[in-house]
Amino acid sequence: MTTRISTSSMFDLALASMLARQKQLAALQQQVATGQKIVTAKDDPVAAGAAVGLDRALAELERLGQNANTVGNRLGLQENALALAGDDLIRINELAVQAASDTLSDEDRRSIAAEMRTLLDNLLSLANSTDGTGRYLFGGTADDVAPFSRVAGGVAYNGDQMQRSVEVAPGLFVKDTLPGSEVFMRIRTGDGRVDAGMAASNTGTAVLEDFGRTSAGGWNGERFTLRFTAGNGYEVLDQGGAVVASGTWQPKQDIEFGGLRVAVSGQPDDGDELEIGPAGTRDVFATVQALIDALEADVVTPADQAARRNAIQAGMRDVARAAERFIDARASGGAQLALVDDARELREANSVTIKTTLSGMRDLDYADAITRFQLESTALQAAQLVYTRMQGLSLFDLLR
């Protein structure tokens, strides 16, 4: 059995071959023009899908970069604010040292208090710093309102104690600025562990010179009251009021009891007291305000002078603790800024890797594409030649 091939079939086959070659040439021409070997998803569905996933990964890296810029800006502003606040505390300490001099008059001390008041206002302003977008630096997650405000008796904190964690690279998180409660409030007094102070009701001229824990240790965190008695005597009472130690004291020499020590100068009256125990907490604004109040108070008697000196020395100790807190906060912020830099390097490395992979998937190999274009062009010419020859296969041409 023979199979007949009609003239129309031959023409259809030749036409289909030419159209296929033209289509391939058009596709190659479009690839060369765009520089992309995947012009549409149908060119390589698997590679196209993978490329879309990599595009999303690049977009995510860009978003994380924006996060890093935002949190880096806020941490940088926090660093600036804390540096200026630290400078204010240095100046306040200098003024307190100056005010402790016995050569100054009450008017001189009031002038110093006026400068301290200005510094206190500046501290409050720095604590209410914003990031330039209307968000407050030290408000925690409640950063849409000013975190600090003046109230009767001092300064109140209006923020919360939360600290955001911001993703700045895949799987890498950076902490946002510290809440103001951890920077300006709840600062340990005294030496940070132990605090002591003369009773406000004292009538003598005793001044607390030094205190702390003894080198031998043994303090269990209990609070004691040291009561002065006649003839340079003293007795130490525990929290229950029981006498646990007694003796005589010498000016500026340590009195040791229960793992603690104190040194006193001046002359206390019989019944004057000193309390010592675990350090409490105080906000920096109250510390500065107490110094201002001490400098502005009327001093008439030697007991008033001793009370002022005790208040100034206590204020200087607490200012030192606040300065340490600011330094710790700056160190914490600096560590987070270092993580922001590390995250940038990680994002850049990931971006280079992804873009290299995308280039391998999408970018055209021009040498290969042009070679294939020439081959397809030659094939098209051959198909056209065959089609031309087919037109001369009619029997009528032989009968002429």
Protein backbone atom coordinates (compact mmCIF):
# COMPACT_ATOMS: atom_id res chain seq x y z
CA MET A 1 0.00 0.00 0.00
CA THR A 2 1.36 3.36 -0.97
CA THR A 3 0.67 6.64 0.73
CA ARG A 4 -0.05 9.58 -1.44
CA ILE A 5 1.32 12.93 -0.49
CA SER A 6 -0.84 15.63 -1.92
CA THR A 7 0.48 18.88 -3.21
CA SER A 8 -1.43 20.81 -0.53
CA SER A 9 0.17 18.73 2.22
CA MET A 10 3.61 19.47 0.90
CA PHE A 11 2.87 23.17 0.80
CA ASP A 12 1.41 23.08 4.33
CA LEU A 13 4.49 21.32 5.69
CA ALA A 14 6.81 23.80 4.05
CA LEU A 15 4.76 26.72 5.35
CA ALA A 16 4.69 25.30 8.90
CA SER A 17 8.48 24.86 8.81
CA MET A 18 9.01 28.45 7.75
CA LEU A 19 6.59 29.80 10.37
CA ALA A 20 8.31 27.76 13.10
CA ARG A 21 11.68 29.14 12.06
CA GLN A 22 10.32 32.67 11.97
CA LYS A 23 8.79 32.25 15.42
CA GLN A 24 12.09 30.99 16.84
CA LEU A 25 13.96 33.85 15.16
CA ALA A 26 11.47 36.36 16.65
CA ALA A 27 11.97 34.87 20.11
CA LEU A 28 15.75 35.01 19.77
CA GLN A 29 15.54 38.56 18.47
CA GLN A 30 13.47 39.59 21.49
CA GLN A 31 15.97 37.95 23.86
CA VAL A 32 18.88 39.78 22.22
CA ALA A 33 16.98 43.08 22.35
CA THR A 34 16.07 42.72 26.07
CA GLY A 35 19.20 40.91 27.24
CA GLN A 36 16.93 38.43 29.05
CA LYS A 37 16.63 34.77 28.21
CA ILE A 38 13.34 34.46 30.12
CA VAL A 39 11.10 36.99 28.41
CA THR A 40 7.86 35.33 29.49
CA ALA A 41 7.15 32.61 32.05
CA LYS A 42 6.45 30.07 29.31
CA ASP A 43 10.08 30.32 28.16
CA ASP A 44 11.14 28.40 31.30
CA PRO A 45 8.33 27.98 33.88
CA VAL A 46 10.56 26.43 36.56
CA ALA A 47 13.27 29.11 36.31
CA ALA A 48 10.64 31.87 36.09
CA GLY A 49 9.02 30.67 39.33
CA ALA A 50 12.36 30.49 41.09
CA ALA A 51 13.25 33.98 39.85
CA VAL A 52 10.00 35.39 41.26
CA GLY A 53 10.90 33.90 44.64
CA LEU A 54 14.35 35.49 44.47
CA ASP A 55 12.79 38.84 43.52
CA ARG A 56 10.68 38.63 46.66
CA ALA A 57 13.79 37.86 48.70
CA LEU A 58 15.46 40.98 47.28
CA ALA A 59 12.38 43.07 48.11
CA GLU A 60 12.45 41.69 51.65
CA LEU A 61 16.12 42.65 51.98
CA GLU A 62 15.22 46.16 50.86
CA ARG A 63 12.46 46.34 53.47
CA LEU A 64 14.84 45.13 56.17
CA GLY A 65 17.29 47.79 55.04
CA GLN A 66 14.62 50.43 55.58
CA ASN A 67 13.99 49.00 59.05
CA ALA A 68 17.71 49.23 59.77
CA ASN A 69 17.84 52.85 58.62
CA THR A 70 14.93 53.77 60.88
CA VAL A 71 16.20 52.03 64.00
CA GLY A 72 19.77 53.17 63.29
CA ASN A 73 18.56 56.76 63.11
CA ARG A 74 16.72 56.41 66.42
CA LEU A 75 19.71 54.79 68.13
CA GLY A 76 21.99 57.52 66.81
CA LEU A 77 19.65 60.20 68.18
CA GLN A 78 19.54 58.34 71.50
CA GLU A 79 23.34 58.43 71.61
CA ASN A 80 23.33 62.18 70.96
CA ALA A 81 20.69 62.85 73.62
CA LEU A 82 22.48 60.75 76.25
CA ALA A 83 25.83 62.37 75.46
CA LEU A 84 24.32 65.82 76.02
CA ALA A 85 22.55 64.62 79.18
CA GLY A 86 25.87 63.26 80.44
CA ASP A 87 27.46 66.65 79.82
CA ASP A 88 24.68 68.26 81.85
CA LEU A 89 25.37 65.90 84.76
CA ILE A 90 29.09 66.68 84.59
CA ARG A 91 28.27 70.38 84.86
CA ILE A 92 25.80 69.75 87.70
CA ASN A 93 28.48 67.84 89.60
CA GLU A 94 30.97 70.69 89.07
CA LEU A 95 28.42 73.16 90.41
CA ALA A 96 27.72 70.92 93.42
CA VAL A 97 31.43 70.74 94.24
CA GLN A 98 31.62 74.51 93.93
CA ALA A 99 28.53 74.97 96.12
CA ALA A 100 30.02 72.78 98.87
CA SER A 101 32.72 75.37 99.53
CA ASP A 102 32.31 77.23 102.82
CA THR A 103 33.61 80.43 101.20
CA LEU A 104 30.44 80.96 99.14
CA SER A 105 27.62 83.16 100.28
CA ASP A 106 23.96 82.20 100.19
CA GLU A 107 23.53 84.45 97.15
CA ASP A 108 26.33 82.62 95.37
CA ARG A 109 24.61 79.31 96.03
CA ARG A 110 21.29 80.64 94.76
CA SER A 111 23.03 81.67 91.54
CA ILE A 112 24.41 78.14 91.24
CA ALA A 113 20.92 76.77 91.92
CA ALA A 114 19.56 78.94 89.08
CA GLU A 115 22.04 77.39 86.64
CA MET A 116 21.16 73.93 87.93
CA ARG A 117 17.50 74.67 87.29
CA THR A 118 18.32 75.50 83.68
CA LEU A 119 20.26 72.25 83.38
CA LEU A 120 17.31 70.37 84.90
CA ASP A 121 15.00 71.86 82.27
CA ASN A 122 17.45 70.80 79.57
CA LEU A 123 17.56 67.26 80.98
CA LEU A 124 13.77 67.08 80.79
CA SER A 125 13.86 68.37 77.22
CA LEU A 126 16.45 65.75 76.23
CA ALA A 127 14.37 63.02 77.88
CA ASN A 128 11.47 64.10 75.62
CA SER A 129 13.57 63.98 72.41
CA THR A 130 11.87 62.81 69.21
CA ASP A 131 13.21 60.97 66.18
CA GLY A 132 12.12 63.63 63.69
CA THR A 133 8.92 61.81 62.73
CA GLY A 134 6.96 62.72 65.83
CA ARG A 135 7.85 59.54 67.74
CA TYR A 136 9.55 59.95 71.11
CA LEU A 137 12.85 58.19 71.72
CA PHE A 138 12.38 57.25 75.36
CA GLY A 139 8.70 56.35 75.52
CA GLY A 140 9.09 52.61 74.99
CA THR A 141 6.35 51.32 72.71
CA ALA A 142 4.03 54.14 73.88
CA ASP A 143 6.07 56.65 71.90
CA ASP A 144 3.21 58.75 70.56
CA VAL A 145 3.08 61.00 73.66
CA ALA A 146 5.81 62.84 75.55
CA PRO A 147 7.24 60.27 77.99
CA PHE A 148 8.02 62.79 80.77
CA SER A 149 5.89 65.55 82.22
CA ARG A 150 6.05 67.77 85.27
CA VAL A 151 3.61 66.93 88.03
CA ALA A 152 3.19 68.09 91.57
CA GLY A 153 6.26 66.97 93.45
CA GLY A 154 8.46 66.08 90.48
CA VAL A 155 8.47 64.47 87.05
CA ALA A 156 6.21 61.59 85.95
CA TYR A 157 6.95 58.94 83.33
CA ASN A 158 4.11 58.43 80.85
CA GLY A 159 5.61 55.71 78.65
CA ASP A 160 5.87 51.97 79.18
CA GLN A 161 8.71 49.58 79.98
CA MET A 162 8.67 47.77 76.63
CA GLN A 163 11.53 47.83 74.12
CA ARG A 164 10.90 46.97 70.48
CA SER A 165 12.94 44.40 68.58
CA VAL A 166 13.32 45.29 64.91
CA GLU A 167 14.35 42.78 62.24
CA VAL A 168 17.19 44.31 60.20
CA ALA A 169 18.44 41.20 58.38
CA PRO A 170 17.03 37.69 57.92
CA GLY A 171 16.80 36.30 61.46
CA LEU A 172 18.76 39.22 62.98
CA PHE A 173 16.95 41.57 65.36
CA VAL A 174 18.10 44.86 66.90
CA LYS A 175 16.61 46.45 69.99
CA ASP A 176 15.15 49.91 69.59
CA THR A 177 15.87 52.81 71.95
CA LEU A 178 15.64 52.18 75.68
CA PRO A 179 12.46 53.11 77.55
CA GLY A 180 12.93 56.22 79.66
CA SER A 181 12.10 54.32 82.83
CA GLU A 182 15.39 52.41 82.40
CA VAL A 183 17.46 55.52 81.69
CA PHE A 184 16.14 58.43 83.73
CA MET A 185 14.04 56.72 86.39
CA ARG A 186 14.72 54.01 88.97
CA ILE A 187 18.41 54.91 89.33
CA ARG A 188 20.13 53.34 92.33
CA THR A 189 21.19 55.76 95.03
CA GLY A 190 24.30 55.78 97.24
CA ASP A 191 27.04 53.60 95.80
CA GLY A 192 24.54 51.52 93.87
CA ARG A 193 24.18 48.79 96.51
CA VAL A 194 24.34 50.59 99.84
CA ASP A 195 22.94 53.99 100.73
CA ALA A 196 23.15 56.00 103.92
CA GLY A 197 21.98 59.36 105.15
CA MET A 198 21.71 61.51 108.24
CA ALA A 199 18.22 61.88 109.71
CA ALA A 200 16.42 65.11 108.83
CA SER A 201 15.56 65.67 112.49
CA ASN A 202 19.22 65.82 113.64
CA THR A 203 20.23 68.90 115.59
CA GLY A 204 24.00 68.40 115.61
CA THR A 205 26.62 69.16 112.98
CA ALA A 206 27.49 65.59 111.99
CA VAL A 207 28.34 65.11 108.30
CA LEU A 208 28.38 61.72 106.63
CA GLU A 209 31.78 61.46 104.95
CA ASP A 210 31.82 57.90 103.63
CA PHE A 211 30.01 54.57 103.82
CA GLY A 212 29.93 51.17 102.19
CA ARG A 213 30.53 47.50 102.84
CA THR A 214 33.48 46.28 104.81
CA SER A 215 36.26 44.37 103.07
CA ALA A 216 35.46 41.34 105.23
CA GLY A 217 31.88 41.24 103.91
CA GLY A 218 29.06 39.65 105.87
CA TRP A 219 26.28 42.14 105.13
CA ASN A 220 22.98 40.35 104.53
CA GLY A 221 21.08 43.29 103.08
CA GLU A 222 19.62 44.43 106.42
CA ARG A 223 18.98 48.08 107.22
CA PHE A 224 20.51 49.59 110.40
CA THR A 225 20.11 52.77 112.39
CA LEU A 226 23.20 54.25 114.04
CA ARG A 227 22.25 56.44 117.00
CA PHE A 228 24.77 58.77 118.58
CA THR A 229 24.94 59.01 122.34
CA ALA A 230 26.72 61.29 124.77
CA GLY A 231 30.51 61.27 124.99
CA ASN A 232 31.11 60.26 121.36
CA GLY A 233 29.27 57.04 121.94
CA TYR A 234 27.04 55.23 119.50
CA GLU A 235 24.75 52.26 119.29
CA VAL A 236 23.55 50.33 116.27
CA LEU A 237 19.94 49.16 116.04
CA ASP A 238 18.59 46.56 113.64
CA GLN A 239 15.26 46.82 111.88
CA GLY A 240 13.49 45.45 114.92
CA GLY A 241 14.99 48.13 117.17
CA ALA A 242 17.39 45.77 118.98
CA VAL A 243 20.90 47.03 119.74
CA VAL A 244 23.38 44.90 117.80
CA ALA A 245 26.57 46.96 118.34
CA SER A 246 27.87 49.91 120.35
CA GLY A 247 31.09 51.77 121.06
CA THR A 248 32.80 55.12 120.67
CA TRP A 249 33.75 56.80 117.41
CA GLN A 250 36.42 59.14 116.10
CA PRO A 251 35.80 61.76 113.39
CA LYS A 252 36.30 60.42 109.85
CA GLN A 253 37.23 56.96 111.14
CA ASP A 254 35.18 53.95 110.06
CA ILE A 255 32.52 52.54 112.36
CA GLU A 256 31.99 48.91 111.33
CA PHE A 257 28.99 46.70 112.06
CA GLY A 258 27.08 43.95 110.27
CA GLY A 259 29.39 44.00 107.27
CA LEU A 260 28.91 47.76 106.78
CA ARG A 261 30.98 50.81 107.59
CA VAL A 262 30.36 54.54 108.00
CA ALA A 263 32.63 57.53 108.65
CA VAL A 264 31.29 60.74 110.18
CA SER A 265 32.77 64.16 110.82
CA GLY A 266 31.47 67.10 112.85
CA GLN A 267 29.74 66.75 116.19
CA PRO A 268 26.40 64.98 116.43
CA ASP A 269 24.05 65.74 119.28
CA ASP A 270 22.86 63.06 121.65
CA GLY A 271 20.06 61.21 119.85
CA ASP A 272 21.09 62.16 116.31
CA GLU A 273 20.73 59.25 113.88
CA LEU A 274 22.11 57.86 110.69
CA GLU A 275 20.42 55.22 108.57
CA ILE A 276 22.22 52.78 106.29
CA GLY A 277 20.96 49.86 104.25
CA PRO A 278 20.13 48.69 100.74
CA ALA A 279 20.20 51.40 98.11
CA GLY A 280 16.84 52.60 96.92
CA THR A 281 15.98 54.14 93.55
CA ARG A 282 15.45 57.70 92.46
CA ASP A 283 14.92 59.50 89.18
CA VAL A 284 17.60 61.89 87.97
CA PHE A 285 15.17 64.80 87.98
CA ALA A 286 14.44 64.35 91.69
CA THR A 287 18.17 64.13 92.38
CA VAL A 288 18.88 67.46 90.68
CA GLN A 289 15.83 69.06 92.25
CA ALA A 290 17.02 67.98 95.72
CA LEU A 291 20.35 69.69 95.06
CA ILE A 292 18.55 72.85 93.96
CA ASP A 293 16.36 72.78 97.08
CA ALA A 294 19.43 72.35 99.30
CA LEU A 295 21.17 75.32 97.72
CA GLU A 296 18.10 77.54 97.94
CA ALA A 297 17.25 76.63 101.55
CA ASP A 298 17.78 79.23 104.25
CA VAL A 299 20.77 78.39 106.43
CA VAL A 300 20.77 79.92 109.90
CA THR A 301 22.33 77.50 112.36
CA PRO A 302 25.37 75.20 112.20
CA ALA A 303 22.92 72.31 112.05
CA ASP A 304 21.43 73.86 108.90
CA GLN A 305 24.91 74.05 107.39
CA ALA A 306 25.56 70.40 108.20
CA ALA A 307 22.21 69.41 106.67
CA ARG A 308 23.06 71.33 103.50
CA ARG A 309 26.46 69.68 103.24
CA ASN A 310 24.90 66.25 103.74
CA ALA A 311 22.31 67.04 101.05
CA ILE A 312 24.98 68.22 98.59
CA GLN A 313 27.13 65.15 99.15
CA ALA A 314 24.14 62.84 98.80
CA GLY A 315 23.19 64.65 95.60
CA MET A 316 26.70 64.28 94.20
CA ARG A 317 26.65 60.54 94.89
CA ASP A 318 23.29 60.17 93.17
CA VAL A 319 24.40 62.30 90.21
CA ALA A 320 27.38 59.94 89.82
CA ARG A 321 25.02 56.96 89.71
CA ALA A 322 22.86 58.71 87.11
CA ALA A 323 25.95 59.45 85.01
CA GLU A 324 26.91 55.77 85.18
CA ARG A 325 23.39 54.84 84.05
CA PHE A 326 23.72 57.15 81.04
CA ILE A 327 27.07 55.57 80.17
CA ASP A 328 25.56 52.09 80.43
CA ALA A 329 22.66 53.18 78.21
CA ARG A 330 25.06 54.59 75.63
CA ALA A 331 27.03 51.35 75.67
CA SER A 332 23.83 49.38 75.13
CA GLY A 333 22.83 51.61 72.23
CA GLY A 334 26.33 51.37 70.76
CA ALA A 335 26.12 47.58 70.79
CA GLN A 336 22.83 47.77 68.89
CA LEU A 337 24.35 50.18 66.35
CA ALA A 338 27.16 47.68 65.81
CA LEU A 339 24.51 45.03 65.07
CA VAL A 340 22.94 47.41 62.55
CA ASP A 341 26.31 47.61 60.76
CA ASP A 342 26.68 43.83 60.86
CA ALA A 343 23.18 43.47 59.46
CA ARG A 344 24.03 45.79 56.57
CA GLU A 345 27.00 43.62 55.65
CA LEU A 346 24.83 40.49 55.85
CA ARG A 347 22.13 42.05 53.65
CA GLU A 348 24.72 43.15 51.09
CA ALA A 349 26.26 39.68 50.96
CA ASN A 350 22.84 38.04 50.57
CA SER A 351 21.87 40.56 47.92
CA VAL A 352 25.00 39.86 45.88
CA THR A 353 24.36 36.11 46.07
CA ILE A 354 20.72 36.44 45.04
CA LYS A 355 21.50 38.83 42.20
CA THR A 356 24.22 36.48 40.93
CA THR A 357 21.74 33.60 40.98
CA LEU A 358 19.13 35.72 39.19
CA SER A 359 21.68 36.73 36.61
CA GLY A 360 22.39 33.09 35.88
CA MET A 361 18.67 32.46 35.44
CA ARG A 362 17.69 35.53 33.44
CA ASP A 363 20.66 37.17 31.77
CA LEU A 364 21.26 36.21 28.17
CA ASP A 365 24.43 34.57 26.91
CA TYR A 366 24.85 36.77 23.85
CA ALA A 367 27.41 34.51 22.15
CA ASP A 368 25.08 31.52 22.41
CA ALA A 369 22.01 33.53 21.43
CA ILE A 370 23.66 35.06 18.35
CA THR A 371 24.98 31.65 17.27
CA ARG A 372 21.50 30.15 17.57
CA PHE A 373 20.04 33.17 15.75
CA GLN A 374 22.42 32.57 12.83
CA LEU A 375 21.53 28.87 12.78
CA GLU A 376 17.81 29.59 12.81
CA SER A 377 18.27 32.23 10.12
CA THR A 378 20.11 29.69 7.95
CA ALA A 379 17.40 27.11 8.60
CA LEU A 380 14.73 29.64 7.61
CA GLN A 381 16.56 30.42 4.38
CA ALA A 382 16.79 26.68 3.64
CA ALA A 383 13.06 26.27 4.29
CA GLN A 384 12.31 29.19 2.00
CA LEU A 385 14.53 27.67 -0.69
CA VAL A 386 12.77 24.32 -0.40
CA TYR A 387 9.41 26.06 -0.66
CA THR A 388 10.60 27.81 -3.82
CA ARG A 389 11.74 24.54 -5.34
CA MET A 390 8.42 22.90 -4.48
CA GLN A 391 6.63 25.41 -6.64
CA GLY A 392 8.40 23.86 -9.67
CA LEU A 393 7.20 20.28 -9.08
CA SER A 394 3.91 20.64 -11.03
CA LEU A 395 3.40 18.15 -14.00
CA PHE A 396 1.95 20.94 -16.04
CA ASP A 397 5.40 22.48 -16.20
CA LEU A 398 6.63 19.29 -17.92
CA LEU A 399 3.82 19.31 -20.49
CA ARG A 400 4.66 22.75 -21.75
